[in-house]
């Protein structure tokens, strides 16, 4: 591990301990009920925003095309981690794209002359 990252991690742990002990006030608070109440983004619209096919978007999310189609057609609703991932994708699409190992956009085929 790089030394600067390790130092940041140690500092973060020290701050956490100080907050728990009441010596430091937390700069932000996340409440579980707020996270659970948050709505799930419209999956079809979100996919359209990315400009991806169903197969490409399903691959990006790590789910089957059937699951994606069920979400888009309202037969099922995303739950748990999938719901959170969709909220992250809606709020910060660049984050979702940055963690992919390979490009998800289709490549154009070369036409032989």
C-alpha atoms as a PDB file:
ATOM      1  CA  UNK A   1       0.000   0.000   0.000  1.00  0.00           C
ATOM      2  CA  UNK A   2       1.235   3.484  -0.809  1.00  0.00           C
ATOM      3  CA  UNK A   3       2.321   5.423   2.251  1.00  0.00           C
ATOM      4  CA  UNK A   4       0.111   8.456   1.537  1.00  0.00           C
ATOM      5  CA  UNK A   5      -3.000   6.268   1.219  1.00  0.00           C
ATOM      6  CA  UNK A   6      -2.101   4.441   4.398  1.00  0.00           C
ATOM      7  CA  UNK A   7      -1.684   7.765   6.245  1.00  0.00           C
ATOM      8  CA  UNK A   8      -5.112   8.917   5.012  1.00  0.00           C
ATOM      9  CA  UNK A   9      -6.645   5.672   6.227  1.00  0.00           C
ATOM     10  CA  UNK A  10      -5.060   6.012   9.660  1.00  0.00           C
ATOM     11  CA  UNK A  11      -6.256   9.630   9.925  1.00  0.00           C
ATOM     12  CA  UNK A  12      -9.761   8.559   8.969  1.00  0.00           C
ATOM     13  CA  UNK A  13      -9.791   5.908  11.691  1.00  0.00           C
ATOM     14  CA  UNK A  14      -8.586   8.441  14.253  1.00  0.00           C
ATOM     15  CA  UNK A  15     -11.411  10.802  13.251  1.00  0.00           C
ATOM     16  CA  UNK A  16     -13.943   7.984  13.518  1.00  0.00           C
ATOM     17  CA  UNK A  17     -12.768   7.155  17.044  1.00  0.00           C
ATOM     18  CA  UNK A  18     -12.942  10.830  18.036  1.00  0.00           C
ATOM     19  CA  UNK A  19     -16.504  11.085  16.717  1.00  0.00           C
ATOM     20  CA  UNK A  20     -17.524   7.930  18.584  1.00  0.00           C
ATOM     21  CA  UNK A  21     -15.987   9.312  21.791  1.00  0.00           C
ATOM     22  CA  UNK A  22     -17.775  12.653  21.353  1.00  0.00           C
ATOM     23  CA  UNK A  23     -14.594  14.700  20.951  1.00  0.00           C
ATOM     24  CA  UNK A  24     -15.362  15.567  17.314  1.00  0.00           C
ATOM     25  CA  UNK A  25     -18.621  16.343  15.536  1.00  0.00           C
ATOM     26  CA  UNK A  26     -19.440  14.372  12.386  1.00  0.00           C
ATOM     27  CA  UNK A  27     -19.429  16.507   9.237  1.00  0.00           C
ATOM     28  CA  UNK A  28     -22.198  14.440   7.629  1.00  0.00           C
ATOM     29  CA  UNK A  29     -24.820  12.023   8.859  1.00  0.00           C
ATOM     30  CA  UNK A  30     -26.411   9.272   6.796  1.00  0.00           C
ATOM     31  CA  UNK A  31     -29.644   7.863   8.142  1.00  0.00           C
ATOM     32  CA  UNK A  32     -30.704   4.372   7.147  1.00  0.00           C
ATOM     33  CA  UNK A  33     -34.345   5.383   6.787  1.00  0.00           C
ATOM     34  CA  UNK A  34     -33.380   8.086   4.272  1.00  0.00           C
ATOM     35  CA  UNK A  35     -31.536   5.540   2.161  1.00  0.00           C
ATOM     36  CA  UNK A  36     -34.398   3.056   2.268  1.00  0.00           C
ATOM     37  CA  UNK A  37     -37.010   5.661   1.305  1.00  0.00           C
ATOM     38  CA  UNK A  38     -35.112   6.893  -1.733  1.00  0.00           C
ATOM     39  CA  UNK A  39     -36.823   6.038  -4.990  1.00  0.00           C
ATOM     40  CA  UNK A  40     -35.419   3.751  -7.629  1.00  0.00           C
ATOM     41  CA  UNK A  41     -34.596   5.585 -10.877  1.00  0.00           C
ATOM     42  CA  UNK A  42     -36.532   4.746 -14.034  1.00  0.00           C
ATOM     43  CA  UNK A  43     -34.326   1.978 -15.404  1.00  0.00           C
ATOM     44  CA  UNK A  44     -35.293   2.400 -19.070  1.00  0.00           C
ATOM     45  CA  UNK A  45     -34.662   6.155 -18.941  1.00  0.00           C
ATOM     46  CA  UNK A  46     -31.370   5.609 -17.165  1.00  0.00           C
ATOM     47  CA  UNK A  47     -30.265   3.113 -19.808  1.00  0.00           C
ATOM     48  CA  UNK A  48     -31.281   5.611 -22.493  1.00  0.00           C
ATOM     49  CA  UNK A  49     -29.170   8.259 -20.807  1.00  0.00           C
ATOM     50  CA  UNK A  50     -26.149   5.954 -21.101  1.00  0.00           C
ATOM     51  CA  UNK A  51     -27.027   5.264 -24.759  1.00  0.00           C
ATOM     52  CA  UNK A  52     -26.626   1.523 -24.328  1.00  0.00           C
ATOM     53  CA  UNK A  53     -28.555  -1.491 -25.547  1.00  0.00           C
ATOM     54  CA  UNK A  54     -30.257  -3.714 -22.997  1.00  0.00           C
ATOM     55  CA  UNK A  55     -27.478  -6.281 -23.352  1.00  0.00           C
ATOM     56  CA  UNK A  56     -24.766  -3.668 -22.847  1.00  0.00           C
ATOM     57  CA  UNK A  57     -26.460  -2.050 -19.844  1.00  0.00           C
ATOM     58  CA  UNK A  58     -27.139  -5.454 -18.264  1.00  0.00           C
ATOM     59  CA  UNK A  59     -23.463  -6.353 -18.698  1.00  0.00           C
ATOM     60  CA  UNK A  60     -22.419  -3.025 -17.165  1.00  0.00           C
ATOM     61  CA  UNK A  61     -24.591  -3.715 -14.106  1.00  0.00           C
ATOM     62  CA  UNK A  62     -23.614  -7.384 -13.900  1.00  0.00           C
ATOM     63  CA  UNK A  63     -27.175  -8.679 -14.317  1.00  0.00           C
ATOM     64  CA  UNK A  64     -29.005 -10.763 -16.898  1.00  0.00           C
ATOM     65  CA  UNK A  65     -30.866  -9.172 -19.791  1.00  0.00           C
ATOM     66  CA  UNK A  66     -34.043 -10.880 -18.525  1.00  0.00           C
ATOM     67  CA  UNK A  67     -33.689  -9.126 -15.163  1.00  0.00           C
ATOM     68  CA  UNK A  68     -33.189  -5.772 -16.874  1.00  0.00           C
ATOM     69  CA  UNK A  69     -36.235  -6.340 -19.086  1.00  0.00           C
ATOM     70  CA  UNK A  70     -38.342  -7.239 -16.045  1.00  0.00           C
ATOM     71  CA  UNK A  71     -37.301  -3.981 -14.371  1.00  0.00           C
ATOM     72  CA  UNK A  72     -37.938  -1.892 -17.453  1.00  0.00           C
ATOM     73  CA  UNK A  73     -41.362  -3.431 -18.052  1.00  0.00           C
ATOM     74  CA  UNK A  74     -42.424  -3.078 -14.416  1.00  0.00           C
ATOM     75  CA  UNK A  75     -42.821  -6.789 -13.727  1.00  0.00           C
ATOM     76  CA  UNK A  76     -40.176  -6.588 -10.989  1.00  0.00           C
ATOM     77  CA  UNK A  77     -38.448  -3.860  -9.003  1.00  0.00           C
ATOM     78  CA  UNK A  78     -34.727  -3.662  -8.241  1.00  0.00           C
ATOM     79  CA  UNK A  79     -33.991  -4.425  -4.603  1.00  0.00           C
ATOM     80  CA  UNK A  80     -31.071  -4.120  -2.219  1.00  0.00           C
ATOM     81  CA  UNK A  81     -27.659  -3.548  -3.788  1.00  0.00           C
ATOM     82  CA  UNK A  82     -29.106  -3.302  -7.309  1.00  0.00           C
ATOM     83  CA  UNK A  83     -31.334  -0.429  -6.215  1.00  0.00           C
ATOM     84  CA  UNK A  84     -28.357   1.386  -4.680  1.00  0.00           C
ATOM     85  CA  UNK A  85     -26.243   0.770  -7.788  1.00  0.00           C
ATOM     86  CA  UNK A  86     -28.967   2.292  -9.977  1.00  0.00           C
ATOM     87  CA  UNK A  87     -29.133   5.353  -7.731  1.00  0.00           C
ATOM     88  CA  UNK A  88     -25.354   5.759  -8.009  1.00  0.00           C
ATOM     89  CA  UNK A  89     -25.585   5.358 -11.798  1.00  0.00           C
ATOM     90  CA  UNK A  90     -28.286   8.039 -11.955  1.00  0.00           C
ATOM     91  CA  UNK A  91     -26.434  10.512  -9.735  1.00  0.00           C
ATOM     92  CA  UNK A  92     -22.871   9.826 -10.903  1.00  0.00           C
ATOM     93  CA  UNK A  93     -22.799   7.981 -14.241  1.00  0.00           C
ATOM     94  CA  UNK A  94     -19.081   8.613 -14.592  1.00  0.00           C
ATOM     95  CA  UNK A  95     -18.432   6.505 -11.494  1.00  0.00           C
ATOM     96  CA  UNK A  96     -20.240   3.515 -12.928  1.00  0.00           C
ATOM     97  CA  UNK A  97     -18.386   3.825 -16.216  1.00  0.00           C
ATOM     98  CA  UNK A  98     -15.030   4.258 -14.465  1.00  0.00           C
ATOM     99  CA  UNK A  99     -15.228   0.876 -12.749  1.00  0.00           C
ATOM    100  CA  UNK A 100     -15.827  -1.151 -15.888  1.00  0.00           C
ATOM    101  CA  UNK A 101     -12.936  -3.248 -17.073  1.00  0.00           C
ATOM    102  CA  UNK A 102     -13.660  -2.833 -20.755  1.00  0.00           C
ATOM    103  CA  UNK A 103     -15.592  -0.386 -22.914  1.00  0.00           C
ATOM    104  CA  UNK A 104     -19.309  -1.127 -23.109  1.00  0.00           C
ATOM    105  CA  UNK A 105     -20.082   0.806 -26.267  1.00  0.00           C
ATOM    106  CA  UNK A 106     -20.326  -1.247 -29.412  1.00  0.00           C
ATOM    107  CA  UNK A 107     -17.432  -0.968 -31.792  1.00  0.00           C
ATOM    108  CA  UNK A 108     -18.035  -0.182 -35.414  1.00  0.00           C
ATOM    109  CA  UNK A 109     -17.137  -2.913 -37.837  1.00  0.00           C
ATOM    110  CA  UNK A 110     -14.741  -2.160 -40.610  1.00  0.00           C
ATOM    111  CA  UNK A 111     -16.080  -2.618 -44.065  1.00  0.00           C
ATOM    112  CA  UNK A 112     -13.730  -4.500 -46.328  1.00  0.00           C
ATOM    113  CA  UNK A 113     -13.039  -2.640 -49.543  1.00  0.00           C
END
